[in-house]
């Protein structure tokens, strides 16, 4: 399928291919984890933040905005005091969850094969 941006078949190795935007988003750890956290159903911001241990409110907000802009999640605002906002997967987001779950599982299953330096948790995270 020809891309309007790159003028030929989609090729993620081509710098002008629009596929790179989605690949960049999905390859981000907070995106992959946020989508996984939404697989069981809608969640509020606080519940997502609690599930994604170590994410800052700023990073989570930016991640959720990007996921929404790319059509992977929906943000629903319920009129209440205080405001009630829920995030949920779109059909596109649900489709993205399958390969991301395989990647997460692969990492867990192969953690013992990684070099020791890779496994060190940065002091800032501890």
PDB file of N, CA and C in Angstrom:
ATOM      1  N   UNK A   1       0.857  -1.186   0.000  1.00  0.00           N
ATOM      2  CA  UNK A   1       0.000   0.000   0.000  1.00  0.00           C
ATOM      3  C   UNK A   1       0.894   1.238   0.000  1.00  0.00           C
ATOM      4  N   UNK A   2       0.681   2.135  -0.917  1.00  0.00           N
ATOM      5  CA  UNK A   2       1.506   3.335  -1.019  1.00  0.00           C
ATOM      6  C   UNK A   2       1.128   4.336   0.057  1.00  0.00           C
ATOM      7  N   UNK A   3       2.142   4.939   0.606  1.00  0.00           N
ATOM      8  CA  UNK A   3       1.931   5.937   1.650  1.00  0.00           C
ATOM      9  C   UNK A   3       1.921   7.318   1.034  1.00  0.00           C
ATOM     10  N   UNK A   4       0.986   8.191   1.448  1.00  0.00           N
ATOM     11  CA  UNK A   4       0.985   9.533   0.906  1.00  0.00           C
ATOM     12  C   UNK A   4       2.250  10.291   1.290  1.00  0.00           C
ATOM     13  N   UNK A   5       2.869   9.941   2.426  1.00  0.00           N
ATOM     14  CA  UNK A   5       4.051  10.651   2.884  1.00  0.00           C
ATOM     15  C   UNK A   5       5.322  10.184   2.197  1.00  0.00           C
ATOM     16  N   UNK A   6       5.479   8.860   2.071  1.00  0.00           N
ATOM     17  CA  UNK A   6       6.742   8.378   1.537  1.00  0.00           C
ATOM     18  C   UNK A   6       6.642   7.963   0.074  1.00  0.00           C
ATOM     19  N   UNK A   7       5.458   8.020  -0.525  1.00  0.00           N
ATOM     20  CA  UNK A   7       5.319   7.816  -1.957  1.00  0.00           C
ATOM     21  C   UNK A   7       5.532   6.391  -2.441  1.00  0.00           C
ATOM     22  N   UNK A   8       5.690   5.443  -1.546  1.00  0.00           N
ATOM     23  CA  UNK A   8       5.840   4.041  -1.938  1.00  0.00           C
ATOM     24  C   UNK A   8       5.258   3.165  -0.832  1.00  0.00           C
ATOM     25  N   UNK A   9       5.422   1.861  -0.960  1.00  0.00           N
ATOM     26  CA  UNK A   9       4.879   0.954   0.055  1.00  0.00           C
ATOM     27  C   UNK A   9       5.423   1.336   1.431  1.00  0.00           C
ATOM     28  N   UNK A  10       4.602   1.122   2.459  1.00  0.00           N
ATOM     29  CA  UNK A  10       5.034   1.436   3.815  1.00  0.00           C
ATOM     30  C   UNK A  10       6.299   0.659   4.151  1.00  0.00           C
ATOM     31  N   UNK A  11       7.281   1.366   4.641  1.00  0.00           N
ATOM     32  CA  UNK A  11       8.561   0.771   5.004  1.00  0.00           C
ATOM     33  C   UNK A  11       9.061   1.490   6.246  1.00  0.00           C
ATOM     34  N   UNK A  12       8.966   0.835   7.393  1.00  0.00           N
ATOM     35  CA  UNK A  12       9.359   1.486   8.642  1.00  0.00           C
ATOM     36  C   UNK A  12      10.836   1.860   8.674  1.00  0.00           C
ATOM     37  N   UNK A  13      11.610   1.328   7.760  1.00  0.00           N
ATOM     38  CA  UNK A  13      13.031   1.682   7.698  1.00  0.00           C
ATOM     39  C   UNK A  13      13.259   2.980   6.930  1.00  0.00           C
ATOM     40  N   UNK A  14      12.238   3.458   6.246  1.00  0.00           N
ATOM     41  CA  UNK A  14      12.290   4.721   5.508  1.00  0.00           C
ATOM     42  C   UNK A  14      11.986   5.853   6.486  1.00  0.00           C
ATOM     43  N   UNK A  15      12.866   6.841   6.534  1.00  0.00           N
ATOM     44  CA  UNK A  15      12.727   7.956   7.485  1.00  0.00           C
ATOM     45  C   UNK A  15      11.430   8.729   7.314  1.00  0.00           C
ATOM     46  N   UNK A  16      10.835   8.706   6.129  1.00  0.00           N
ATOM     47  CA  UNK A  16       9.621   9.477   5.892  1.00  0.00           C
ATOM     48  C   UNK A  16       8.338   8.659   6.053  1.00  0.00           C
ATOM     49  N   UNK A  17       8.475   7.391   6.404  1.00  0.00           N
ATOM     50  CA  UNK A  17       7.288   6.535   6.531  1.00  0.00           C
ATOM     51  C   UNK A  17       6.482   6.917   7.771  1.00  0.00           C
ATOM     52  N   UNK A  18       5.178   7.147   7.611  1.00  0.00           N
ATOM     53  CA  UNK A  18       4.339   7.508   8.761  1.00  0.00           C
ATOM     54  C   UNK A  18       4.208   6.387   9.787  1.00  0.00           C
ATOM     55  N   UNK A  19       4.548   5.170   9.415  1.00  0.00           N
ATOM     56  CA  UNK A  19       4.506   4.049  10.369  1.00  0.00           C
ATOM     57  C   UNK A  19       5.437   4.299  11.553  1.00  0.00           C
ATOM     58  N   UNK A  20       6.476   5.076  11.338  1.00  0.00           N
ATOM     59  CA  UNK A  20       7.447   5.316  12.404  1.00  0.00           C
ATOM     60  C   UNK A  20       6.838   6.019  13.604  1.00  0.00           C
ATOM     61  N   UNK A  21       5.850   6.858  13.379  1.00  0.00           N
ATOM     62  CA  UNK A  21       5.208   7.556  14.497  1.00  0.00           C
ATOM     63  C   UNK A  21       4.544   6.552  15.440  1.00  0.00           C
ATOM     64  N   UNK A  22       3.842   5.585  14.863  1.00  0.00           N
ATOM     65  CA  UNK A  22       3.173   4.587  15.686  1.00  0.00           C
ATOM     66  C   UNK A  22       4.192   3.652  16.330  1.00  0.00           C
ATOM     67  N   UNK A  23       5.221   3.269  15.591  1.00  0.00           N
ATOM     68  CA  UNK A  23       6.253   2.407  16.147  1.00  0.00           C
ATOM     69  C   UNK A  23       6.950   3.102  17.316  1.00  0.00           C
ATOM     70  N   UNK A  24       7.240   4.378  17.170  1.00  0.00           N
ATOM     71  CA  UNK A  24       7.865   5.149  18.246  1.00  0.00           C
ATOM     72  C   UNK A  24       6.980   5.158  19.485  1.00  0.00           C
ATOM     73  N   UNK A  25       5.697   5.351  19.289  1.00  0.00           N
ATOM     74  CA  UNK A  25       4.762   5.392  20.414  1.00  0.00           C
ATOM     75  C   UNK A  25       4.673   4.030  21.101  1.00  0.00           C
ATOM     76  N   UNK A  26       4.512   2.971  20.332  1.00  0.00           N
ATOM     77  CA  UNK A  26       4.326   1.643  20.907  1.00  0.00           C
ATOM     78  C   UNK A  26       5.606   1.079  21.519  1.00  0.00           C
ATOM     79  N   UNK A  27       6.762   1.511  21.036  1.00  0.00           N
ATOM     80  CA  UNK A  27       8.031   1.028  21.574  1.00  0.00           C
ATOM     81  C   UNK A  27       8.396   1.715  22.886  1.00  0.00           C
ATOM     82  N   UNK A  28       7.644   2.712  23.288  1.00  0.00           N
ATOM     83  CA  UNK A  28       7.870   3.415  24.550  1.00  0.00           C
ATOM     84  C   UNK A  28       7.367   2.557  25.709  1.00  0.00           C
ATOM     85  N   UNK A  29       8.183   2.408  26.759  1.00  0.00           N
ATOM     86  CA  UNK A  29       7.790   1.516  27.864  1.00  0.00           C
ATOM     87  C   UNK A  29       6.502   1.954  28.532  1.00  0.00           C
ATOM     88  N   UNK A  30       6.304   3.272  28.735  1.00  0.00           N
ATOM     89  CA  UNK A  30       5.085   3.702  29.430  1.00  0.00           C
ATOM     90  C   UNK A  30       3.857   3.459  28.568  1.00  0.00           C
ATOM     91  N   UNK A  31       3.992   3.604  27.254  1.00  0.00           N
ATOM     92  CA  UNK A  31       2.867   3.310  26.361  1.00  0.00           C
ATOM     93  C   UNK A  31       2.506   1.831  26.421  1.00  0.00           C
ATOM     94  N   UNK A  32       3.516   0.979  26.304  1.00  0.00           N
ATOM     95  CA  UNK A  32       3.284  -0.471  26.322  1.00  0.00           C
ATOM     96  C   UNK A  32       2.660  -0.905  27.645  1.00  0.00           C
ATOM     97  N   UNK A  33       3.124  -0.322  28.750  1.00  0.00           N
ATOM     98  CA  UNK A  33       2.588  -0.697  30.060  1.00  0.00           C
ATOM     99  C   UNK A  33       1.190  -0.118  30.286  1.00  0.00           C
ATOM    100  N   UNK A  34       0.954   1.111  29.824  1.00  0.00           N
ATOM    101  CA  UNK A  34      -0.375   1.716  29.994  1.00  0.00           C
ATOM    102  C   UNK A  34      -1.426   0.936  29.212  1.00  0.00           C
ATOM    103  N   UNK A  35      -1.102   0.558  27.986  1.00  0.00           N
ATOM    104  CA  UNK A  35      -2.052  -0.237  27.204  1.00  0.00           C
ATOM    105  C   UNK A  35      -2.324  -1.572  27.893  1.00  0.00           C
ATOM    106  N   UNK A  36      -1.286  -2.206  28.410  1.00  0.00           N
ATOM    107  CA  UNK A  36      -1.465  -3.469  29.121  1.00  0.00           C
ATOM    108  C   UNK A  36      -2.322  -3.310  30.367  1.00  0.00           C
ATOM    109  N   UNK A  37      -2.144  -2.194  31.063  1.00  0.00           N
ATOM    110  CA  UNK A  37      -2.931  -1.944  32.280  1.00  0.00           C
ATOM    111  C   UNK A  37      -4.402  -1.727  31.969  1.00  0.00           C
ATOM    112  N   UNK A  38      -4.713  -1.343  30.742  1.00  0.00           N
ATOM    113  CA  UNK A  38      -6.106  -1.099  30.351  1.00  0.00           C
ATOM    114  C   UNK A  38      -6.782  -2.332  29.753  1.00  0.00           C
ATOM    115  N   UNK A  39      -6.049  -3.428  29.605  1.00  0.00           N
ATOM    116  CA  UNK A  39      -6.633  -4.635  29.001  1.00  0.00           C
ATOM    117  C   UNK A  39      -7.810  -5.187  29.797  1.00  0.00           C
ATOM    118  N   UNK A  40      -7.788  -5.013  31.105  1.00  0.00           N
ATOM    119  CA  UNK A  40      -8.868  -5.549  31.944  1.00  0.00           C
ATOM    120  C   UNK A  40     -10.067  -4.619  32.047  1.00  0.00           C
ATOM    121  N   UNK A  41      -9.993  -3.469  31.416  1.00  0.00           N
ATOM    122  CA  UNK A  41     -11.120  -2.547  31.451  1.00  0.00           C
ATOM    123  C   UNK A  41     -10.683  -1.124  31.774  1.00  0.00           C
ATOM    124  N   UNK A  42     -11.639  -0.197  31.732  1.00  0.00           N
ATOM    125  CA  UNK A  42     -11.328   1.217  31.963  1.00  0.00           C
ATOM    126  C   UNK A  42     -10.720   1.452  33.349  1.00  0.00           C
ATOM    127  N   UNK A  43      -9.852   2.453  33.405  1.00  0.00           N
ATOM    128  CA  UNK A  43      -9.220   2.840  34.672  1.00  0.00           C
ATOM    129  C   UNK A  43      -9.118   4.352  34.747  1.00  0.00           C
ATOM    130  N   UNK A  44      -9.146   4.824  35.965  1.00  0.00           N
ATOM    131  CA  UNK A  44      -8.927   6.239  36.217  1.00  0.00           C
ATOM    132  C   UNK A  44      -7.422   6.504  36.280  1.00  0.00           C
ATOM    133  N   UNK A  45      -7.061   7.779  36.204  1.00  0.00           N
ATOM    134  CA  UNK A  45      -5.662   8.185  36.191  1.00  0.00           C
ATOM    135  C   UNK A  45      -4.925   7.625  37.409  1.00  0.00           C
ATOM    136  N   UNK A  46      -5.499   7.784  38.593  1.00  0.00           N
ATOM    137  CA  UNK A  46      -4.846   7.315  39.816  1.00  0.00           C
ATOM    138  C   UNK A  46      -4.604   5.826  39.821  1.00  0.00           C
ATOM    139  N   UNK A  47      -5.549   5.062  39.293  1.00  0.00           N
ATOM    140  CA  UNK A  47      -5.392   3.611  39.222  1.00  0.00           C
ATOM    141  C   UNK A  47      -4.293   3.232  38.228  1.00  0.00           C
ATOM    142  N   UNK A  48      -4.228   3.962  37.116  1.00  0.00           N
ATOM    143  CA  UNK A  48      -3.154   3.718  36.149  1.00  0.00           C
ATOM    144  C   UNK A  48      -1.792   4.051  36.753  1.00  0.00           C
ATOM    145  N   UNK A  49      -1.726   5.168  37.440  1.00  0.00           N
ATOM    146  CA  UNK A  49      -0.461   5.583  38.054  1.00  0.00           C
ATOM    147  C   UNK A  49      -0.008   4.562  39.091  1.00  0.00           C
ATOM    148  N   UNK A  50      -0.945   4.034  39.861  1.00  0.00           N
ATOM    149  CA  UNK A  50      -0.598   3.021  40.859  1.00  0.00           C
ATOM    150  C   UNK A  50      -0.116   1.734  40.187  1.00  0.00           C
ATOM    151  N   UNK A  51      -0.739   1.364  39.087  1.00  0.00           N
ATOM    152  CA  UNK A  51      -0.362   0.136  38.371  1.00  0.00           C
ATOM    153  C   UNK A  51       0.992   0.269  37.701  1.00  0.00           C
ATOM    154  N   UNK A  52       1.295   1.455  37.166  1.00  0.00           N
ATOM    155  CA  UNK A  52       2.556   1.711  36.472  1.00  0.00           C
ATOM    156  C   UNK A  52       3.564   2.270  37.468  1.00  0.00           C
ATOM    157  N   UNK A  53       3.968   1.429  38.388  1.00  0.00           N
ATOM    158  CA  UNK A  53       4.882   1.810  39.454  1.00  0.00           C
ATOM    159  C   UNK A  53       6.101   2.545  38.881  1.00  0.00           C
ATOM    160  N   UNK A  54       6.342   3.742  39.400  1.00  0.00           N
ATOM    161  CA  UNK A  54       7.511   4.505  38.977  1.00  0.00           C
ATOM    162  C   UNK A  54       7.236   5.585  37.953  1.00  0.00           C
ATOM    163  N   UNK A  55       6.058   5.600  37.356  1.00  0.00           N
ATOM    164  CA  UNK A  55       5.747   6.639  36.368  1.00  0.00           C
ATOM    165  C   UNK A  55       5.401   7.934  37.094  1.00  0.00           C
ATOM    166  N   UNK A  56       5.905   9.040  36.573  1.00  0.00           N
ATOM    167  CA  UNK A  56       5.565  10.340  37.160  1.00  0.00           C
ATOM    168  C   UNK A  56       4.220  10.789  36.601  1.00  0.00           C
ATOM    169  N   UNK A  57       3.516  11.653  37.327  1.00  0.00           N
ATOM    170  CA  UNK A  57       2.241  12.160  36.791  1.00  0.00           C
ATOM    171  C   UNK A  57       2.437  12.851  35.439  1.00  0.00           C
ATOM    172  N   UNK A  58       3.536  13.571  35.282  1.00  0.00           N
ATOM    173  CA  UNK A  58       3.811  14.276  34.019  1.00  0.00           C
ATOM    174  C   UNK A  58       4.010  13.279  32.864  1.00  0.00           C
ATOM    175  N   UNK A  59       4.798  12.235  33.111  1.00  0.00           N
ATOM    176  CA  UNK A  59       5.042  11.231  32.063  1.00  0.00           C
ATOM    177  C   UNK A  59       3.763  10.465  31.727  1.00  0.00           C
ATOM    178  N   UNK A  60       2.961  10.140  32.730  1.00  0.00           N
ATOM    179  CA  UNK A  60       1.714   9.419  32.465  1.00  0.00           C
ATOM    180  C   UNK A  60       0.739  10.289  31.694  1.00  0.00           C
ATOM    181  N   UNK A  61       0.630  11.551  32.062  1.00  0.00           N
ATOM    182  CA  UNK A  61      -0.253  12.472  31.340  1.00  0.00           C
ATOM    183  C   UNK A  61       0.157  12.572  29.877  1.00  0.00           C
ATOM    184  N   UNK A  62       1.457  12.743  29.631  1.00  0.00           N
ATOM    185  CA  UNK A  62       1.952  12.850  28.251  1.00  0.00           C
ATOM    186  C   UNK A  62       1.690  11.556  27.477  1.00  0.00           C
ATOM    187  N   UNK A  63       1.908  10.424  28.121  1.00  0.00           N
ATOM    188  CA  UNK A  63       1.687   9.132  27.474  1.00  0.00           C
ATOM    189  C   UNK A  63       0.217   8.946  27.114  1.00  0.00           C
ATOM    190  N   UNK A  64      -0.672   9.240  28.050  1.00  0.00           N
ATOM    191  CA  UNK A  64      -2.106   9.080  27.790  1.00  0.00           C
ATOM    192  C   UNK A  64      -2.570  10.009  26.678  1.00  0.00           C
ATOM    193  N   UNK A  65      -2.053  11.215  26.644  1.00  0.00           N
ATOM    194  CA  UNK A  65      -2.422  12.148  25.562  1.00  0.00           C
ATOM    195  C   UNK A  65      -1.988  11.614  24.209  1.00  0.00           C
ATOM    196  N   UNK A  66      -0.752  11.095  24.138  1.00  0.00           N
ATOM    197  CA  UNK A  66      -0.259  10.561  22.868  1.00  0.00           C
ATOM    198  C   UNK A  66      -1.062   9.337  22.436  1.00  0.00           C
ATOM    199  N   UNK A  67      -1.376   8.466  23.385  1.00  0.00           N
ATOM    200  CA  UNK A  67      -2.169   7.274  23.049  1.00  0.00           C
ATOM    201  C   UNK A  67      -3.553   7.665  22.544  1.00  0.00           C
ATOM    202  N   UNK A  68      -4.129   8.694  23.147  1.00  0.00           N
ATOM    203  CA  UNK A  68      -5.436   9.170  22.696  1.00  0.00           C
ATOM    204  C   UNK A  68      -5.329   9.809  21.309  1.00  0.00           C
ATOM    205  N   UNK A  69      -4.324  10.635  21.093  1.00  0.00           N
ATOM    206  CA  UNK A  69      -4.128  11.291  19.787  1.00  0.00           C
ATOM    207  C   UNK A  69      -3.936  10.271  18.669  1.00  0.00           C
ATOM    208  N   UNK A  70      -3.322   9.143  18.982  1.00  0.00           N
ATOM    209  CA  UNK A  70      -3.060   8.112  17.982  1.00  0.00           C
ATOM    210  C   UNK A  70      -4.193   7.089  17.874  1.00  0.00           C
ATOM    211  N   UNK A  71      -5.295   7.323  18.581  1.00  0.00           N
ATOM    212  CA  UNK A  71      -6.472   6.471  18.447  1.00  0.00           C
ATOM    213  C   UNK A  71      -6.404   5.145  19.182  1.00  0.00           C
ATOM    214  N   UNK A  72      -5.490   5.017  20.153  1.00  0.00           N
ATOM    215  CA  UNK A  72      -5.347   3.757  20.867  1.00  0.00           C
ATOM    216  C   UNK A  72      -6.182   3.689  22.142  1.00  0.00           C
ATOM    217  N   UNK A  73      -6.493   4.845  22.724  1.00  0.00           N
ATOM    218  CA  UNK A  73      -7.338   4.872  23.917  1.00  0.00           C
ATOM    219  C   UNK A  73      -8.375   5.978  23.783  1.00  0.00           C
ATOM    220  N   UNK A  74      -9.436   5.816  24.550  1.00  0.00           N
ATOM    221  CA  UNK A  74     -10.465   6.853  24.671  1.00  0.00           C
ATOM    222  C   UNK A  74     -10.369   7.441  26.063  1.00  0.00           C
ATOM    223  N   UNK A  75     -10.648   8.722  26.159  1.00  0.00           N
ATOM    224  CA  UNK A  75     -10.715   9.429  27.439  1.00  0.00           C
ATOM    225  C   UNK A  75     -12.157   9.879  27.606  1.00  0.00           C
ATOM    226  N   UNK A  76     -12.799   9.394  28.661  1.00  0.00           N
ATOM    227  CA  UNK A  76     -14.194   9.732  28.915  1.00  0.00           C
ATOM    228  C   UNK A  76     -14.277  10.550  30.189  1.00  0.00           C
ATOM    229  N   UNK A  77     -14.905  11.724  30.085  1.00  0.00           N
ATOM    230  CA  UNK A  77     -15.077  12.610  31.238  1.00  0.00           C
ATOM    231  C   UNK A  77     -16.518  12.505  31.703  1.00  0.00           C
ATOM    232  N   UNK A  78     -16.687  12.189  32.988  1.00  0.00           N
ATOM    233  CA  UNK A  78     -18.011  12.113  33.591  1.00  0.00           C
ATOM    234  C   UNK A  78     -18.224  13.353  34.446  1.00  0.00           C
ATOM    235  N   UNK A  79     -19.335  14.077  34.210  1.00  0.00           N
ATOM    236  CA  UNK A  79     -19.575  15.293  34.995  1.00  0.00           C
ATOM    237  C   UNK A  79     -19.893  14.939  36.447  1.00  0.00           C
ATOM    238  N   UNK A  80     -18.963  15.223  37.292  1.00  0.00           N
ATOM    239  CA  UNK A  80     -19.115  14.958  38.722  1.00  0.00           C
ATOM    240  C   UNK A  80     -18.195  15.905  39.463  1.00  0.00           C
ATOM    241  N   UNK A  81     -18.378  15.993  40.748  1.00  0.00           N
ATOM    242  CA  UNK A  81     -17.483  16.788  41.569  1.00  0.00           C
ATOM    243  C   UNK A  81     -16.883  15.843  42.604  1.00  0.00           C
ATOM    244  N   UNK A  82     -15.581  15.601  42.558  1.00  0.00           N
ATOM    245  CA  UNK A  82     -14.630  16.098  41.564  1.00  0.00           C
ATOM    246  C   UNK A  82     -14.827  15.391  40.217  1.00  0.00           C
ATOM    247  N   UNK A  83     -14.223  15.967  39.184  1.00  0.00           N
ATOM    248  CA  UNK A  83     -14.326  15.432  37.836  1.00  0.00           C
ATOM    249  C   UNK A  83     -13.879  13.968  37.810  1.00  0.00           C
ATOM    250  N   UNK A  84     -14.595  13.135  37.094  1.00  0.00           N
ATOM    251  CA  UNK A  84     -14.301  11.709  36.976  1.00  0.00           C
ATOM    252  C   UNK A  84     -13.889  11.445  35.529  1.00  0.00           C
ATOM    253  N   UNK A  85     -12.645  11.003  35.332  1.00  0.00           N
ATOM    254  CA  UNK A  85     -12.130  10.718  33.994  1.00  0.00           C
ATOM    255  C   UNK A  85     -11.670   9.274  33.953  1.00  0.00           C
ATOM    256  N   UNK A  86     -12.088   8.560  32.915  1.00  0.00           N
ATOM    257  CA  UNK A  86     -11.661   7.177  32.721  1.00  0.00           C
ATOM    258  C   UNK A  86     -10.989   7.023  31.367  1.00  0.00           C
ATOM    259  N   UNK A  87     -10.034   6.127  31.317  1.00  0.00           N
ATOM    260  CA  UNK A  87      -9.329   5.798  30.087  1.00  0.00           C
ATOM    261  C   UNK A  87      -9.659   4.355  29.734  1.00  0.00           C
ATOM    262  N   UNK A  88      -9.888   4.095  28.445  1.00  0.00           N
ATOM    263  CA  UNK A  88     -10.206   2.748  27.989  1.00  0.00           C
ATOM    264  C   UNK A  88      -9.594   2.522  26.617  1.00  0.00           C
ATOM    265  N   UNK A  89      -9.444   1.270  26.262  1.00  0.00           N
ATOM    266  CA  UNK A  89      -8.878   0.911  24.959  1.00  0.00           C
ATOM    267  C   UNK A  89      -9.903   1.103  23.848  1.00  0.00           C
ATOM    268  N   UNK A  90      -9.438   1.550  22.715  1.00  0.00           N
ATOM    269  CA  UNK A  90     -10.238   1.551  21.495  1.00  0.00           C
ATOM    270  C   UNK A  90     -10.016   0.187  20.832  1.00  0.00           C
ATOM    271  N   UNK A  91     -10.768  -0.146  19.794  1.00  0.00           N
ATOM    272  CA  UNK A  91     -10.479  -1.394  19.078  1.00  0.00           C
ATOM    273  C   UNK A  91      -9.027  -1.450  18.566  1.00  0.00           C
ATOM    274  N   UNK A  92      -8.501  -0.337  18.093  1.00  0.00           N
ATOM    275  CA  UNK A  92      -7.115  -0.293  17.630  1.00  0.00           C
ATOM    276  C   UNK A  92      -6.161  -0.567  18.795  1.00  0.00           C
ATOM    277  N   UNK A  93      -6.436   0.032  19.940  1.00  0.00           N
ATOM    278  CA  UNK A  93      -5.615  -0.192  21.124  1.00  0.00           C
ATOM    279  C   UNK A  93      -5.660  -1.638  21.584  1.00  0.00           C
ATOM    280  N   UNK A  94      -6.851  -2.227  21.533  1.00  0.00           N
ATOM    281  CA  UNK A  94      -6.980  -3.640  21.918  1.00  0.00           C
ATOM    282  C   UNK A  94      -6.165  -4.524  20.971  1.00  0.00           C
ATOM    283  N   UNK A  95      -6.170  -4.194  19.678  1.00  0.00           N
ATOM    284  CA  UNK A  95      -5.368  -4.956  18.715  1.00  0.00           C
ATOM    285  C   UNK A  95      -3.872  -4.821  19.015  1.00  0.00           C
ATOM    286  N   UNK A  96      -3.442  -3.656  19.451  1.00  0.00           N
ATOM    287  CA  UNK A  96      -2.020  -3.433  19.760  1.00  0.00           C
ATOM    288  C   UNK A  96      -1.591  -4.195  21.011  1.00  0.00           C
ATOM    289  N   UNK A  97      -2.535  -4.505  21.882  1.00  0.00           N
ATOM    290  CA  UNK A  97      -2.204  -5.183  23.143  1.00  0.00           C
ATOM    291  C   UNK A  97      -1.636  -6.583  22.937  1.00  0.00           C
ATOM    292  N   UNK A  98      -2.084  -7.277  21.913  1.00  0.00           N
ATOM    293  CA  UNK A  98      -1.626  -8.656  21.710  1.00  0.00           C
ATOM    294  C   UNK A  98      -0.111  -8.740  21.474  1.00  0.00           C
ATOM    295  N   UNK A  99       0.438  -8.016  20.494  1.00  0.00           N
ATOM    296  CA  UNK A  99       1.897  -8.105  20.311  1.00  0.00           C
ATOM    297  C   UNK A  99       2.668  -7.505  21.490  1.00  0.00           C
ATOM    298  N   UNK A 100       2.111  -6.494  22.146  1.00  0.00           N
ATOM    299  CA  UNK A 100       2.796  -5.915  23.303  1.00  0.00           C
ATOM    300  C   UNK A 100       2.828  -6.900  24.470  1.00  0.00           C
ATOM    301  N   UNK A 101       1.756  -7.668  24.647  1.00  0.00           N
ATOM    302  CA  UNK A 101       1.734  -8.690  25.694  1.00  0.00           C
ATOM    303  C   UNK A 101       2.780  -9.763  25.411  1.00  0.00           C
ATOM    304  N   UNK A 102       2.939 -10.125  24.149  1.00  0.00           N
ATOM    305  CA  UNK A 102       3.974 -11.102  23.783  1.00  0.00           C
ATOM    306  C   UNK A 102       5.361 -10.561  24.105  1.00  0.00           C
ATOM    307  N   UNK A 103       5.589  -9.293  23.829  1.00  0.00           N
ATOM    308  CA  UNK A 103       6.881  -8.683  24.126  1.00  0.00           C
ATOM    309  C   UNK A 103       7.135  -8.657  25.634  1.00  0.00           C
ATOM    310  N   UNK A 104       6.129  -8.239  26.423  1.00  0.00           N
ATOM    311  CA  UNK A 104       6.285  -8.223  27.884  1.00  0.00           C
ATOM    312  C   UNK A 104       6.582  -9.626  28.403  1.00  0.00           C
ATOM    313  N   UNK A 105       5.856 -10.606  27.892  1.00  0.00           N
ATOM    314  CA  UNK A 105       6.064 -12.002  28.315  1.00  0.00           C
ATOM    315  C   UNK A 105       7.463 -12.477  27.940  1.00  0.00           C
ATOM    316  N   UNK A 106       7.933 -12.127  26.739  1.00  0.00           N
ATOM    317  CA  UNK A 106       9.269 -12.516  26.296  1.00  0.00           C
ATOM    318  C   UNK A 106      10.331 -11.947  27.237  1.00  0.00           C
ATOM    319  N   UNK A 107      10.173 -10.675  27.624  1.00  0.00           N
ATOM    320  CA  UNK A 107      11.133 -10.047  28.535  1.00  0.00           C
ATOM    321  C   UNK A 107      11.166 -10.799  29.863  1.00  0.00           C
ATOM    322  N   UNK A 108      10.001 -11.074  30.435  1.00  0.00           N
ATOM    323  CA  UNK A 108       9.933 -11.793  31.716  1.00  0.00           C
ATOM    324  C   UNK A 108      10.530 -13.196  31.582  1.00  0.00           C
ATOM    325  N   UNK A 109      10.191 -13.903  30.520  1.00  0.00           N
ATOM    326  CA  UNK A 109      10.673 -15.273  30.326  1.00  0.00           C
ATOM    327  C   UNK A 109      12.183 -15.341  30.092  1.00  0.00           C
ATOM    328  N   UNK A 110      12.771 -14.265  29.583  1.00  0.00           N
ATOM    329  CA  UNK A 110      14.191 -14.279  29.229  1.00  0.00           C
ATOM    330  C   UNK A 110      15.064 -13.407  30.119  1.00  0.00           C
ATOM    331  N   UNK A 111      14.528 -12.903  31.204  1.00  0.00           N
ATOM    332  CA  UNK A 111      15.266 -11.977  32.062  1.00  0.00           C
ATOM    333  C   UNK A 111      16.602 -12.566  32.528  1.00  0.00           C
ATOM    334  N   UNK A 112      16.659 -13.860  32.751  1.00  0.00           N
ATOM    335  CA  UNK A 112      17.890 -14.511  33.190  1.00  0.00           C
ATOM    336  C   UNK A 112      18.974 -14.561  32.132  1.00  0.00           C
ATOM    337  N   UNK A 113      18.636 -14.273  30.903  1.00  0.00           N
ATOM    338  CA  UNK A 113      19.602 -14.324  29.800  1.00  0.00           C
ATOM    339  C   UNK A 113      20.250 -12.973  29.530  1.00  0.00           C
ATOM    340  N   UNK A 114      19.748 -11.926  30.169  1.00  0.00           N
ATOM    341  CA  UNK A 114      20.272 -10.581  29.909  1.00  0.00           C
ATOM    342  C   UNK A 114      21.562 -10.353  30.684  1.00  0.00           C
ATOM    343  N   UNK A 115      22.454  -9.509  30.153  1.00  0.00           N
ATOM    344  CA  UNK A 115      23.687  -9.195  30.876  1.00  0.00           C
ATOM    345  C   UNK A 115      23.357  -8.549  32.229  1.00  0.00           C
ATOM    346  N   UNK A 116      24.141  -8.846  33.267  1.00  0.00           N
ATOM    347  CA  UNK A 116      23.870  -8.302  34.605  1.00  0.00           C
ATOM    348  C   UNK A 116      23.715  -6.780  34.640  1.00  0.00           C
ATOM    349  N   UNK A 117      24.498  -6.063  33.860  1.00  0.00           N
ATOM    350  CA  UNK A 117      24.423  -4.590  33.868  1.00  0.00           C
ATOM    351  C   UNK A 117      23.040  -4.086  33.430  1.00  0.00           C
ATOM    352  N   UNK A 118      22.387  -4.838  32.561  1.00  0.00           N
ATOM    353  CA  UNK A 118      21.055  -4.461  32.072  1.00  0.00           C
ATOM    354  C   UNK A 118      20.027  -4.586  33.181  1.00  0.00           C
ATOM    355  N   UNK A 119      20.258  -5.481  34.111  1.00  0.00           N
ATOM    356  CA  UNK A 119      19.294  -5.785  35.157  1.00  0.00           C
ATOM    357  C   UNK A 119      19.386  -4.854  36.359  1.00  0.00           C
ATOM    358  N   UNK A 120      20.410  -4.018  36.415  1.00  0.00           N
ATOM    359  CA  UNK A 120      20.558  -3.101  37.540  1.00  0.00           C
ATOM    360  C   UNK A 120      19.471  -2.034  37.480  1.00  0.00           C
ATOM    361  N   UNK A 121      18.786  -1.855  38.613  1.00  0.00           N
ATOM    362  CA  UNK A 121      17.749  -0.835  38.697  1.00  0.00           C
ATOM    363  C   UNK A 121      18.426   0.480  39.064  1.00  0.00           C
ATOM    364  N   UNK A 122      18.212   1.528  38.260  1.00  0.00           N
ATOM    365  CA  UNK A 122      18.834   2.828  38.577  1.00  0.00           C
ATOM    366  C   UNK A 122      18.431   3.313  39.965  1.00  0.00           C
ATOM    367  N   UNK A 123      19.355   3.977  40.647  1.00  0.00           N
ATOM    368  CA  UNK A 123      19.114   4.458  41.997  1.00  0.00           C
ATOM    369  C   UNK A 123      17.890   5.382  42.057  1.00  0.00           C
ATOM    370  N   UNK A 124      17.657   6.138  40.997  1.00  0.00           N
ATOM    371  CA  UNK A 124      16.521   7.074  40.961  1.00  0.00           C
ATOM    372  C   UNK A 124      15.184   6.347  41.029  1.00  0.00           C
ATOM    373  N   UNK A 125      15.147   5.092  40.622  1.00  0.00           N
ATOM    374  CA  UNK A 125      13.906   4.324  40.595  1.00  0.00           C
ATOM    375  C   UNK A 125      13.667   3.633  41.940  1.00  0.00           C
ATOM    376  N   UNK A 126      14.752   3.296  42.630  1.00  0.00           N
ATOM    377  CA  UNK A 126      14.627   2.568  43.908  1.00  0.00           C
ATOM    378  C   UNK A 126      14.042   3.398  44.987  1.00  0.00           C
TER     379      UNK A 126
END
